[in-house]
Amino acid sequence: MPADGLSPIPISVRRAVICLWISVVLAAALTAWQLVGFVATADAVAAAVTGVLTAAVLALVAVKVGAGRGWARWLFLIGYILGSFLFIVFALLAPQMFFSLPALQQASGVAQFALQTSALVLMFTRASRQWFRGPHTARVTSAL
């Protein structure tokens, strides 16, 4: 343990945070491409609002998970369950709608799903769970 009393961040948490940041970049890039017309969208305003909110929440979770805030894992889990359920239902029950999306949007959806699934699994590994429950969390929790 380092001299400052904080335990080092496990590699699983570091990798989860990296996955989240890549997901933020993808969400922001897709939103920007939709706004400039590079990717066709039926409602640019709705796409922009959704994209900005998605990127902002993912960025918040990435920062807070990296800082050892356990509540951020649970917030992400709830968002993941809701988002994945909608994505899977959309892709399985209406595949013709999914395949009618621009290829970039399809690829982004699949990549986001893979990155966020990886992040979620990494956040709940044994090493991650122990670290989130460790003594460092008492010190950083007060600085929400």
C-alpha atoms as a PDB file:
ATOM      1  CA  MET A   1       0.000   0.000   0.000  1.00  0.00           C
ATOM      2  CA  PRO A   2       1.353   3.459  -0.857  1.00  0.00           C
ATOM      3  CA  ALA A   3       2.541   5.797   1.914  1.00  0.00           C
ATOM      4  CA  ASP A   4      -0.564   8.013   1.563  1.00  0.00           C
ATOM      5  CA  GLY A   5      -2.790   5.139   2.764  1.00  0.00           C
ATOM      6  CA  LEU A   6      -4.570   4.747  -0.569  1.00  0.00           C
ATOM      7  CA  SER A   7      -4.557   1.319  -2.136  1.00  0.00           C
ATOM      8  CA  PRO A   8      -3.497   1.193  -5.777  1.00  0.00           C
ATOM      9  CA  ILE A   9      -6.243   1.021  -8.372  1.00  0.00           C
ATOM     10  CA  PRO A  10      -6.581  -2.559  -9.619  1.00  0.00           C
ATOM     11  CA  ILE A  11      -5.937  -3.200 -13.300  1.00  0.00           C
ATOM     12  CA  SER A  12      -9.558  -4.322 -13.676  1.00  0.00           C
ATOM     13  CA  VAL A  13     -10.802  -0.890 -12.574  1.00  0.00           C
ATOM     14  CA  ARG A  14      -8.265   0.877 -14.803  1.00  0.00           C
ATOM     15  CA  ARG A  15      -9.408  -1.184 -17.776  1.00  0.00           C
ATOM     16  CA  ALA A  16     -13.080  -0.523 -16.970  1.00  0.00           C
ATOM     17  CA  VAL A  17     -12.376   3.217 -16.914  1.00  0.00           C
ATOM     18  CA  ILE A  18     -10.553   2.970 -20.266  1.00  0.00           C
ATOM     19  CA  CYS A  19     -13.535   1.144 -21.781  1.00  0.00           C
ATOM     20  CA  LEU A  20     -15.846   3.860 -20.463  1.00  0.00           C
ATOM     21  CA  TRP A  21     -13.693   6.668 -21.900  1.00  0.00           C
ATOM     22  CA  ILE A  22     -13.580   4.964 -25.303  1.00  0.00           C
ATOM     23  CA  SER A  23     -17.365   4.694 -25.096  1.00  0.00           C
ATOM     24  CA  VAL A  24     -17.575   8.430 -24.289  1.00  0.00           C
ATOM     25  CA  VAL A  25     -15.468   9.256 -27.353  1.00  0.00           C
ATOM     26  CA  LEU A  26     -17.623   7.042 -29.593  1.00  0.00           C
ATOM     27  CA  ALA A  27     -20.863   8.568 -28.298  1.00  0.00           C
ATOM     28  CA  ALA A  28     -19.530  12.102 -28.725  1.00  0.00           C
ATOM     29  CA  ALA A  29     -18.154  11.386 -32.206  1.00  0.00           C
ATOM     30  CA  LEU A  30     -21.393   9.803 -33.415  1.00  0.00           C
ATOM     31  CA  THR A  31     -23.355  12.750 -32.036  1.00  0.00           C
ATOM     32  CA  ALA A  32     -21.067  15.220 -33.799  1.00  0.00           C
ATOM     33  CA  TRP A  33     -21.312  13.274 -37.063  1.00  0.00           C
ATOM     34  CA  GLN A  34     -25.108  13.275 -36.799  1.00  0.00           C
ATOM     35  CA  LEU A  35     -25.190  17.014 -36.164  1.00  0.00           C
ATOM     36  CA  VAL A  36     -23.054  17.854 -39.181  1.00  0.00           C
ATOM     37  CA  GLY A  37     -25.015  15.465 -41.380  1.00  0.00           C
ATOM     38  CA  PHE A  38     -22.270  12.882 -41.887  1.00  0.00           C
ATOM     39  CA  VAL A  39     -24.619  10.253 -40.396  1.00  0.00           C
ATOM     40  CA  ALA A  40     -28.275  10.568 -41.375  1.00  0.00           C
ATOM     41  CA  THR A  41     -30.777  10.888 -38.550  1.00  0.00           C
ATOM     42  CA  ALA A  42     -34.507  11.468 -38.499  1.00  0.00           C
ATOM     43  CA  ASP A  43     -34.387  13.966 -35.632  1.00  0.00           C
ATOM     44  CA  ALA A  44     -31.092  15.789 -35.164  1.00  0.00           C
ATOM     45  CA  VAL A  45     -32.212  17.506 -31.958  1.00  0.00           C
ATOM     46  CA  ALA A  46     -33.237  14.232 -30.285  1.00  0.00           C
ATOM     47  CA  ALA A  47     -30.020  12.582 -31.468  1.00  0.00           C
ATOM     48  CA  ALA A  48     -27.954  15.481 -30.105  1.00  0.00           C
ATOM     49  CA  VAL A  49     -29.678  15.486 -26.717  1.00  0.00           C
ATOM     50  CA  THR A  50     -29.403  11.708 -26.397  1.00  0.00           C
ATOM     51  CA  GLY A  51     -25.764  11.691 -27.493  1.00  0.00           C
ATOM     52  CA  VAL A  52     -24.704  14.522 -25.187  1.00  0.00           C
ATOM     53  CA  LEU A  53     -26.519  13.000 -22.182  1.00  0.00           C
ATOM     54  CA  THR A  54     -25.053   9.573 -22.898  1.00  0.00           C
ATOM     55  CA  ALA A  55     -21.511  10.922 -23.197  1.00  0.00           C
ATOM     56  CA  ALA A  56     -21.935  13.062 -20.059  1.00  0.00           C
ATOM     57  CA  VAL A  57     -23.240  10.195 -17.903  1.00  0.00           C
ATOM     58  CA  LEU A  58     -20.526   7.841 -19.162  1.00  0.00           C
ATOM     59  CA  ALA A  59     -17.858  10.481 -18.445  1.00  0.00           C
ATOM     60  CA  LEU A  60     -19.240  11.030 -14.932  1.00  0.00           C
ATOM     61  CA  VAL A  61     -19.207   7.291 -14.272  1.00  0.00           C
ATOM     62  CA  ALA A  62     -15.656   6.959 -15.655  1.00  0.00           C
ATOM     63  CA  VAL A  63     -14.367   9.745 -13.410  1.00  0.00           C
ATOM     64  CA  LYS A  64     -16.175   8.527 -10.294  1.00  0.00           C
ATOM     65  CA  VAL A  65     -15.307   4.845 -10.794  1.00  0.00           C
ATOM     66  CA  GLY A  66     -11.667   5.833 -11.239  1.00  0.00           C
ATOM     67  CA  ALA A  67     -11.923   7.787  -7.979  1.00  0.00           C
ATOM     68  CA  GLY A  68     -13.253   4.756  -6.100  1.00  0.00           C
ATOM     69  CA  ARG A  69     -16.888   5.793  -5.752  1.00  0.00           C
ATOM     70  CA  GLY A  70     -18.850   2.572  -5.452  1.00  0.00           C
ATOM     71  CA  TRP A  71     -22.181   4.258  -6.154  1.00  0.00           C
ATOM     72  CA  ALA A  72     -20.991   4.991  -9.693  1.00  0.00           C
ATOM     73  CA  ARG A  73     -20.756   1.245 -10.403  1.00  0.00           C
ATOM     74  CA  TRP A  74     -24.372   0.811  -9.348  1.00  0.00           C
ATOM     75  CA  LEU A  75     -25.519   3.815 -11.368  1.00  0.00           C
ATOM     76  CA  PHE A  76     -23.759   2.334 -14.382  1.00  0.00           C
ATOM     77  CA  LEU A  77     -25.307  -1.089 -13.730  1.00  0.00           C
ATOM     78  CA  ILE A  78     -28.812   0.403 -13.765  1.00  0.00           C
ATOM     79  CA  GLY A  79     -28.118   2.377 -16.941  1.00  0.00           C
ATOM     80  CA  TYR A  80     -26.499  -0.657 -18.533  1.00  0.00           C
ATOM     81  CA  ILE A  81     -29.479  -2.890 -17.802  1.00  0.00           C
ATOM     82  CA  LEU A  82     -31.941  -0.375 -19.236  1.00  0.00           C
ATOM     83  CA  GLY A  83     -29.831   0.503 -22.276  1.00  0.00           C
ATOM     84  CA  SER A  84     -28.852  -3.076 -23.074  1.00  0.00           C
ATOM     85  CA  PHE A  85     -32.414  -4.289 -22.740  1.00  0.00           C
ATOM     86  CA  LEU A  86     -33.566  -1.669 -25.232  1.00  0.00           C
ATOM     87  CA  PHE A  87     -30.633  -2.352 -27.583  1.00  0.00           C
ATOM     88  CA  ILE A  88     -31.158  -6.129 -27.537  1.00  0.00           C
ATOM     89  CA  VAL A  89     -34.928  -5.850 -27.942  1.00  0.00           C
ATOM     90  CA  PHE A  90     -34.431  -3.419 -30.820  1.00  0.00           C
ATOM     91  CA  ALA A  91     -31.812  -5.602 -32.531  1.00  0.00           C
ATOM     92  CA  LEU A  92     -33.626  -8.923 -32.014  1.00  0.00           C
ATOM     93  CA  LEU A  93     -37.278  -7.970 -32.369  1.00  0.00           C
ATOM     94  CA  ALA A  94     -36.832  -5.425 -35.121  1.00  0.00           C
ATOM     95  CA  PRO A  95     -33.682  -6.484 -36.977  1.00  0.00           C
ATOM     96  CA  GLN A  96     -34.894  -4.852 -40.183  1.00  0.00           C
ATOM     97  CA  MET A  97     -34.950  -1.498 -38.339  1.00  0.00           C
ATOM     98  CA  PHE A  98     -31.482  -2.113 -36.899  1.00  0.00           C
ATOM     99  CA  PHE A  99     -30.075  -3.046 -40.309  1.00  0.00           C
ATOM    100  CA  SER A 100     -31.726  -0.015 -41.894  1.00  0.00           C
ATOM    101  CA  LEU A 101     -29.571   2.262 -39.714  1.00  0.00           C
ATOM    102  CA  PRO A 102     -26.416   3.689 -41.285  1.00  0.00           C
ATOM    103  CA  ALA A 103     -23.478   1.280 -40.950  1.00  0.00           C
ATOM    104  CA  LEU A 104     -21.643   3.726 -38.690  1.00  0.00           C
ATOM    105  CA  GLN A 105     -24.575   3.791 -36.274  1.00  0.00           C
ATOM    106  CA  GLN A 106     -24.793  -0.016 -36.279  1.00  0.00           C
ATOM    107  CA  ALA A 107     -21.069  -0.336 -35.637  1.00  0.00           C
ATOM    108  CA  SER A 108     -21.221   2.248 -32.861  1.00  0.00           C
ATOM    109  CA  GLY A 109     -24.094   0.410 -31.174  1.00  0.00           C
ATOM    110  CA  VAL A 110     -22.273  -2.907 -31.264  1.00  0.00           C
ATOM    111  CA  ALA A 111     -18.994  -1.334 -30.109  1.00  0.00           C
ATOM    112  CA  GLN A 112     -20.742   0.539 -27.279  1.00  0.00           C
ATOM    113  CA  PHE A 113     -22.423  -2.681 -26.166  1.00  0.00           C
ATOM    114  CA  ALA A 114     -19.094  -4.561 -26.151  1.00  0.00           C
ATOM    115  CA  LEU A 115     -17.185  -1.781 -24.385  1.00  0.00           C
ATOM    116  CA  GLN A 116     -19.839  -1.214 -21.751  1.00  0.00           C
ATOM    117  CA  THR A 117     -20.298  -4.946 -21.134  1.00  0.00           C
ATOM    118  CA  SER A 118     -16.546  -5.248 -20.635  1.00  0.00           C
ATOM    119  CA  ALA A 119     -16.507  -2.249 -18.287  1.00  0.00           C
ATOM    120  CA  LEU A 120     -19.360  -3.669 -16.240  1.00  0.00           C
ATOM    121  CA  VAL A 121     -17.721  -7.074 -15.866  1.00  0.00           C
ATOM    122  CA  LEU A 122     -14.404  -5.455 -14.941  1.00  0.00           C
ATOM    123  CA  MET A 123     -16.054  -3.231 -12.308  1.00  0.00           C
ATOM    124  CA  PHE A 124     -17.444  -6.261 -10.509  1.00  0.00           C
ATOM    125  CA  THR A 125     -14.443  -8.595 -10.524  1.00  0.00           C
ATOM    126  CA  ARG A 126     -13.217  -9.762  -7.139  1.00  0.00           C
ATOM    127  CA  ALA A 127     -10.260  -7.336  -7.151  1.00  0.00           C
ATOM    128  CA  SER A 128     -12.522  -4.432  -8.098  1.00  0.00           C
ATOM    129  CA  ARG A 129     -15.124  -5.251  -5.449  1.00  0.00           C
ATOM    130  CA  GLN A 130     -12.451  -5.477  -2.764  1.00  0.00           C
ATOM    131  CA  TRP A 131     -10.913  -2.185  -3.848  1.00  0.00           C
ATOM    132  CA  PHE A 132     -14.255  -0.364  -3.807  1.00  0.00           C
ATOM    133  CA  ARG A 133     -14.807  -1.657  -0.254  1.00  0.00           C
ATOM    134  CA  GLY A 134     -11.253  -0.852   0.833  1.00  0.00           C
ATOM    135  CA  PRO A 135     -10.082   1.746   3.358  1.00  0.00           C
ATOM    136  CA  HIS A 136      -9.443   4.360   0.652  1.00  0.00           C
ATOM    137  CA  THR A 137     -13.181   4.683  -0.016  1.00  0.00           C
ATOM    138  CA  ALA A 138     -13.848   6.214   3.389  1.00  0.00           C
ATOM    139  CA  ARG A 139     -11.347   8.953   2.583  1.00  0.00           C
ATOM    140  CA  VAL A 140     -12.666   9.773  -0.906  1.00  0.00           C
ATOM    141  CA  THR A 141     -16.383   9.292  -0.182  1.00  0.00           C
ATOM    142  CA  SER A 142     -16.547  12.538   1.773  1.00  0.00           C
ATOM    143  CA  ALA A 143     -15.457  14.446  -1.337  1.00  0.00           C
ATOM    144  CA  LEU A 144     -18.361  13.315  -3.543  1.00  0.00           C
END
